[in-house]
Amino acid sequence: MSDQTEDDAAAGLAEQTLEGTRQRLADLDGLPISEHVAVFDQLHRDLSAVLNSIDQQEDQGKS
């Protein structure tokens, strides 16, 4: 895969993830505060997974 294609794929994944994250954060208004921590924990896992995926793609591109 070319560098431009990889960059485009990473940017698309990042934008999709951020949009989903924004929506889930906006949905917190409708949840009891006691449920916020679970949402934050899941968002952290999801964002970490995306960042790790992007890092792996970059590392593979350097090989």
N, C-alpha and C. Protein backbone atom coordinates (compact mmCIF):
# COMPACT_ATOMS: atom_id res chain seq x y z
N MET A 1 0.86 -1.18 0.00
CA MET A 1 0.00 0.00 0.00
C MET A 1 0.90 1.23 0.00
N SER A 2 0.53 2.25 -0.76
CA SER A 2 1.36 3.45 -0.84
C SER A 2 1.20 4.29 0.41
N ASP A 3 2.18 5.18 0.61
CA ASP A 3 2.14 6.06 1.78
C ASP A 3 0.88 6.91 1.80
N GLN A 4 0.47 7.43 0.63
CA GLN A 4 -0.72 8.28 0.56
C GLN A 4 -1.97 7.48 0.92
N THR A 5 -2.06 6.25 0.40
CA THR A 5 -3.22 5.41 0.69
C THR A 5 -3.27 5.07 2.17
N GLU A 6 -2.11 4.76 2.76
CA GLU A 6 -2.05 4.46 4.19
C GLU A 6 -2.45 5.69 5.02
N ASP A 7 -1.96 6.85 4.60
CA ASP A 7 -2.32 8.09 5.30
C ASP A 7 -3.81 8.36 5.22
N ASP A 8 -4.38 8.13 4.03
CA ASP A 8 -5.81 8.34 3.83
C ASP A 8 -6.62 7.37 4.69
N ALA A 9 -6.18 6.12 4.75
CA ALA A 9 -6.88 5.11 5.55
C ALA A 9 -6.81 5.47 7.03
N ALA A 10 -5.63 5.89 7.49
CA ALA A 10 -5.47 6.27 8.89
C ALA A 10 -6.32 7.49 9.21
N ALA A 11 -6.34 8.46 8.31
CA ALA A 11 -7.14 9.66 8.53
C ALA A 11 -8.63 9.33 8.57
N GLY A 12 -9.06 8.44 7.69
CA GLY A 12 -10.46 8.02 7.68
C GLY A 12 -10.85 7.30 8.95
N LEU A 13 -9.99 6.40 9.40
CA LEU A 13 -10.23 5.68 10.65
C LEU A 13 -10.28 6.65 11.83
N ALA A 14 -9.36 7.59 11.86
CA ALA A 14 -9.31 8.57 12.95
C ALA A 14 -10.58 9.42 12.96
N GLU A 15 -11.01 9.87 11.80
CA GLU A 15 -12.21 10.72 11.72
C GLU A 15 -13.46 9.95 12.13
N GLN A 16 -13.56 8.72 11.67
CA GLN A 16 -14.70 7.88 12.04
C GLN A 16 -14.72 7.64 13.55
N THR A 17 -13.57 7.37 14.12
CA THR A 17 -13.48 7.12 15.55
C THR A 17 -13.82 8.38 16.34
N LEU A 18 -13.32 9.51 15.90
CA LEU A 18 -13.61 10.76 16.60
C LEU A 18 -15.09 11.11 16.53
N GLU A 19 -15.70 10.88 15.39
CA GLU A 19 -17.14 11.17 15.27
C GLU A 19 -17.94 10.29 16.23
N GLY A 20 -17.60 9.01 16.27
CA GLY A 20 -18.27 8.10 17.20
C GLY A 20 -18.04 8.50 18.66
N THR A 21 -16.83 8.93 18.95
CA THR A 21 -16.50 9.36 20.30
C THR A 21 -17.29 10.60 20.68
N ARG A 22 -17.36 11.55 19.78
CA ARG A 22 -18.14 12.77 20.05
C ARG A 22 -19.60 12.44 20.34
N GLN A 23 -20.14 11.51 19.56
CA GLN A 23 -21.55 11.14 19.75
C GLN A 23 -21.75 10.47 21.10
N ARG A 24 -20.85 9.56 21.45
CA ARG A 24 -20.98 8.87 22.73
C ARG A 24 -20.82 9.83 23.90
N LEU A 25 -19.96 10.82 23.76
CA LEU A 25 -19.83 11.82 24.81
C LEU A 25 -21.08 12.68 24.90
N ALA A 26 -21.66 13.02 23.76
CA ALA A 26 -22.89 13.81 23.76
C ALA A 26 -24.03 13.02 24.42
N ASP A 27 -24.02 11.71 24.25
CA ASP A 27 -25.07 10.87 24.83
C ASP A 27 -24.97 10.77 26.36
N LEU A 28 -23.84 11.20 26.92
CA LEU A 28 -23.70 11.15 28.38
C LEU A 28 -24.76 11.97 29.09
N ASP A 29 -25.24 13.02 28.45
CA ASP A 29 -26.25 13.87 29.07
C ASP A 29 -27.50 13.08 29.46
N GLY A 30 -27.80 12.03 28.72
CA GLY A 30 -28.98 11.24 28.99
C GLY A 30 -28.76 10.08 29.95
N LEU A 31 -27.53 9.92 30.42
CA LEU A 31 -27.21 8.82 31.31
C LEU A 31 -27.02 9.30 32.74
N PRO A 32 -27.32 8.43 33.72
CA PRO A 32 -27.00 8.79 35.10
C PRO A 32 -25.47 8.92 35.25
N ILE A 33 -25.05 9.79 36.12
CA ILE A 33 -23.62 10.02 36.33
C ILE A 33 -22.91 8.72 36.69
N SER A 34 -23.57 7.84 37.39
CA SER A 34 -22.95 6.58 37.80
C SER A 34 -22.55 5.72 36.60
N GLU A 35 -23.12 5.96 35.43
CA GLU A 35 -22.78 5.19 34.23
C GLU A 35 -21.71 5.86 33.37
N HIS A 36 -21.31 7.06 33.71
CA HIS A 36 -20.32 7.78 32.91
C HIS A 36 -18.96 7.08 32.90
N VAL A 37 -18.55 6.54 34.03
CA VAL A 37 -17.22 5.91 34.10
C VAL A 37 -17.13 4.75 33.11
N ALA A 38 -18.17 3.96 33.00
CA ALA A 38 -18.15 2.83 32.06
C ALA A 38 -18.00 3.33 30.62
N VAL A 39 -18.66 4.43 30.29
CA VAL A 39 -18.54 5.01 28.95
C VAL A 39 -17.11 5.51 28.73
N PHE A 40 -16.56 6.21 29.71
CA PHE A 40 -15.19 6.71 29.59
C PHE A 40 -14.20 5.56 29.43
N ASP A 41 -14.38 4.49 30.21
CA ASP A 41 -13.49 3.34 30.11
C ASP A 41 -13.54 2.72 28.71
N GLN A 42 -14.75 2.56 28.17
CA GLN A 42 -14.89 1.98 26.84
C GLN A 42 -14.28 2.89 25.78
N LEU A 43 -14.52 4.19 25.90
CA LEU A 43 -13.92 5.14 24.95
C LEU A 43 -12.40 5.07 25.01
N HIS A 44 -11.85 4.97 26.19
CA HIS A 44 -10.39 4.87 26.33
C HIS A 44 -9.87 3.63 25.63
N ARG A 45 -10.55 2.50 25.82
CA ARG A 45 -10.13 1.25 25.15
C ARG A 45 -10.22 1.40 23.63
N ASP A 46 -11.32 1.97 23.16
CA ASP A 46 -11.51 2.13 21.72
C ASP A 46 -10.47 3.05 21.11
N LEU A 47 -10.23 4.19 21.75
CA LEU A 47 -9.25 5.14 21.23
C LEU A 47 -7.84 4.56 21.27
N SER A 48 -7.52 3.84 22.33
CA SER A 48 -6.21 3.20 22.42
C SER A 48 -6.02 2.18 21.30
N ALA A 49 -7.07 1.40 21.02
CA ALA A 49 -6.98 0.40 19.96
C ALA A 49 -6.75 1.06 18.60
N VAL A 50 -7.42 2.16 18.35
CA VAL A 50 -7.24 2.87 17.07
C VAL A 50 -5.82 3.42 16.97
N LEU A 51 -5.35 4.03 18.03
CA LEU A 51 -3.99 4.58 18.00
C LEU A 51 -2.96 3.47 17.81
N ASN A 52 -3.15 2.34 18.47
CA ASN A 52 -2.23 1.22 18.29
C ASN A 52 -2.27 0.71 16.86
N SER A 53 -3.45 0.66 16.27
CA SER A 53 -3.59 0.22 14.88
C SER A 53 -2.84 1.16 13.94
N ILE A 54 -3.00 2.45 14.15
CA ILE A 54 -2.31 3.43 13.31
C ILE A 54 -0.79 3.30 13.49
N ASP A 55 -0.35 3.13 14.74
CA ASP A 55 1.09 2.96 15.00
C ASP A 55 1.63 1.72 14.29
N GLN A 56 0.87 0.61 14.33
CA GLN A 56 1.32 -0.61 13.67
C GLN A 56 1.41 -0.42 12.16
N GLN A 57 0.45 0.29 11.59
CA GLN A 57 0.49 0.56 10.15
C GLN A 57 1.72 1.38 9.79
N GLU A 58 2.03 2.36 10.62
CA GLU A 58 3.20 3.19 10.36
C GLU A 58 4.48 2.38 10.50
N ASP A 59 4.52 1.51 11.52
CA ASP A 59 5.71 0.67 11.72
C ASP A 59 5.91 -0.29 10.55
N GLN A 60 4.82 -0.84 10.03
CA GLN A 60 4.91 -1.75 8.89
C GLN A 60 5.38 -1.01 7.64
N GLY A 61 4.99 0.24 7.52
CA GLY A 61 5.39 1.04 6.37
C GLY A 61 6.86 1.38 6.39
N LYS A 62 7.47 1.38 7.57
CA LYS A 62 8.90 1.72 7.71
C LYS A 62 9.78 0.51 7.45
N SER A 63 9.20 -0.69 7.47
CA SER A 63 9.99 -1.91 7.28
C SER A 63 10.44 -2.07 5.86
